[in-house]
C-alpha atoms as a PDB file:
ATOM      1  CA  MET A   1       6.199 -40.128 -66.704  1.00  0.00           C
ATOM      2  CA  PHE A   2       5.578 -43.140 -64.243  1.00  0.00           C
ATOM      3  CA  GLU A   3       4.472 -46.514 -64.621  1.00  0.00           C
ATOM      4  CA  ASN A   4       1.480 -48.020 -63.919  1.00  0.00           C
ATOM      5  CA  PRO A   5       1.792 -51.198 -63.934  1.00  0.00           C
ATOM      6  CA  ASP A   6      -1.406 -50.940 -60.941  1.00  0.00           C
ATOM      7  CA  ASN A   7      -3.544 -49.103 -63.564  1.00  0.00           C
ATOM      8  CA  ILE A   8      -4.286 -46.975 -60.669  1.00  0.00           C
ATOM      9  CA  ASP A   9      -7.360 -44.658 -62.406  1.00  0.00           C
ATOM     10  CA  VAL A  10      -6.100 -41.365 -63.230  1.00  0.00           C
ATOM     11  CA  THR A  11      -8.921 -39.279 -62.362  1.00  0.00           C
ATOM     12  CA  GLU A  12      -8.669 -41.214 -58.533  1.00  0.00           C
ATOM     13  CA  LEU A  13      -4.758 -39.672 -58.783  1.00  0.00           C
ATOM     14  CA  GLU A  14      -5.471 -36.273 -59.866  1.00  0.00           C
ATOM     15  CA  THR A  15      -8.093 -36.106 -56.518  1.00  0.00           C
ATOM     16  CA  ILE A  16      -5.207 -37.474 -54.838  1.00  0.00           C
ATOM     17  CA  ILE A  17      -3.141 -34.490 -55.599  1.00  0.00           C
ATOM     18  CA  ARG A  18      -5.730 -31.956 -56.207  1.00  0.00           C
ATOM     19  CA  SER A  19      -6.391 -31.806 -52.335  1.00  0.00           C
ATOM     20  CA  MET A  20      -2.831 -31.860 -52.324  1.00  0.00           C
ATOM     21  CA  LEU A  21      -2.148 -28.519 -53.402  1.00  0.00           C
ATOM     22  CA  ILE A  22      -0.942 -25.485 -52.299  1.00  0.00           C
ATOM     23  CA  ASP A  23      -4.293 -22.841 -52.296  1.00  0.00           C
ATOM     24  CA  ALA A  24      -5.268 -25.003 -55.265  1.00  0.00           C
ATOM     25  CA  THR A  25      -2.340 -24.628 -57.778  1.00  0.00           C
ATOM     26  CA  TRP A  26       1.187 -25.079 -55.816  1.00  0.00           C
ATOM     27  CA  PHE A  27       3.606 -27.595 -54.936  1.00  0.00           C
ATOM     28  CA  TYR A  28       7.249 -28.468 -54.168  1.00  0.00           C
ATOM     29  CA  ALA A  29       8.765 -30.951 -56.638  1.00  0.00           C
ATOM     30  CA  ASP A  30      11.034 -32.366 -54.123  1.00  0.00           C
ATOM     31  CA  LYS A  31       8.938 -33.552 -51.528  1.00  0.00           C
ATOM     32  CA  TRP A  32       6.174 -35.168 -54.067  1.00  0.00           C
ATOM     33  CA  LEU A  33       9.962 -37.146 -55.940  1.00  0.00           C
ATOM     34  CA  LEU A  34       9.717 -35.476 -59.001  1.00  0.00           C
ATOM     35  CA  PRO A  35      12.137 -32.576 -60.524  1.00  0.00           C
ATOM     36  CA  ASP A  36      12.978 -29.680 -59.568  1.00  0.00           C
ATOM     37  CA  LEU A  37      11.906 -27.496 -62.754  1.00  0.00           C
ATOM     38  CA  HIS A  38      13.878 -23.555 -63.715  1.00  0.00           C
ATOM     39  CA  PHE A  39      13.746 -20.806 -66.347  1.00  0.00           C
ATOM     40  CA  GLY A  40      17.451 -20.197 -66.476  1.00  0.00           C
ATOM     41  CA  SER A  41      17.147 -17.275 -65.254  1.00  0.00           C
ATOM     42  CA  TRP A  42      15.992 -18.056 -61.901  1.00  0.00           C
ATOM     43  CA  ASP A  43      17.227 -16.592 -58.698  1.00  0.00           C
ATOM     44  CA  GLU A  44      16.674 -18.213 -55.572  1.00  0.00           C
ATOM     45  CA  GLU A  45      16.933 -15.074 -53.823  1.00  0.00           C
ATOM     46  CA  ILE A  46      14.395 -14.115 -55.213  1.00  0.00           C
ATOM     47  CA  ASP A  47      12.013 -16.493 -57.027  1.00  0.00           C
ATOM     48  CA  HIS A  48       9.635 -19.178 -55.236  1.00  0.00           C
ATOM     49  CA  GLY A  49      10.159 -22.337 -55.382  1.00  0.00           C
ATOM     50  CA  PHE A  50       6.884 -23.467 -55.820  1.00  0.00           C
ATOM     51  CA  HIS A  51       6.159 -25.376 -59.294  1.00  0.00           C
ATOM     52  CA  GLU A  52       2.460 -25.270 -60.663  1.00  0.00           C
ATOM     53  CA  PHE A  53      -0.266 -28.075 -61.113  1.00  0.00           C
ATOM     54  CA  GLU A  54      -2.353 -28.202 -64.940  1.00  0.00           C
ATOM     55  CA  CYS A  55      -3.159 -31.891 -65.183  1.00  0.00           C
ATOM     56  CA  ILE A  56      -1.865 -35.080 -65.758  1.00  0.00           C
ATOM     57  CA  SER A  57      -2.758 -38.063 -68.349  1.00  0.00           C
ATOM     58  CA  TYR A  58      -2.343 -41.084 -69.792  1.00  0.00           C
ATOM     59  CA  THR A  59       0.607 -41.623 -72.177  1.00  0.00           C
ATOM     60  CA  GLU A  60       1.548 -43.886 -74.961  1.00  0.00           C
ATOM     61  CA  GLU A  61       5.251 -42.486 -73.606  1.00  0.00           C
ATOM     62  CA  ARG A  62       7.952 -44.731 -72.055  1.00  0.00           C
ATOM     63  CA  ALA A  63       7.516 -43.548 -68.469  1.00  0.00           C
ATOM     64  CA  ASN A  64      11.133 -41.543 -67.726  1.00  0.00           C
ATOM     65  CA  SER A  65      10.944 -41.499 -63.640  1.00  0.00           C
ATOM     66  CA  SER A  66      12.788 -44.501 -61.842  1.00  0.00           C
ATOM     67  CA  ILE A  67       9.257 -45.006 -59.469  1.00  0.00           C
ATOM     68  CA  PRO A  68       6.513 -46.550 -60.472  1.00  0.00           C
ATOM     69  CA  LEU A  69       3.308 -44.089 -59.898  1.00  0.00           C
ATOM     70  CA  VAL A  70       2.415 -45.895 -56.822  1.00  0.00           C
ATOM     71  CA  GLU A  71       5.390 -45.112 -55.045  1.00  0.00           C
ATOM     72  CA  PHE A  72       4.255 -41.460 -56.202  1.00  0.00           C
ATOM     73  CA  MET A  73       1.062 -41.723 -54.612  1.00  0.00           C
ATOM     74  CA  ALA A  74       2.855 -42.973 -51.477  1.00  0.00           C
ATOM     75  CA  ALA A  75       4.650 -39.861 -51.392  1.00  0.00           C
ATOM     76  CA  LEU A  76       2.155 -37.264 -51.737  1.00  0.00           C
ATOM     77  CA  ALA A  77       0.138 -39.058 -48.439  1.00  0.00           C
ATOM     78  CA  ARG A  78       3.889 -38.431 -46.700  1.00  0.00           C
ATOM     79  CA  ASN A  79       3.486 -34.738 -47.493  1.00  0.00           C
END
């Protein structure tokens, strides 16, 4: 979750994200400055490193990312 002090519209962000996905679904978390999440039995030799994008939304929860949303969007643009 990101801080959004610039009040970036979630639909704008989702459009950007969807334009960057691999086969309209997948992304590499590390290239997007996101945590790399895997199941406990993940095996680097046989499992792919893709992550699946489902959706984004606003939340009232505290941000758990050290970077603001605008910086995340800049990381997307660089990749």
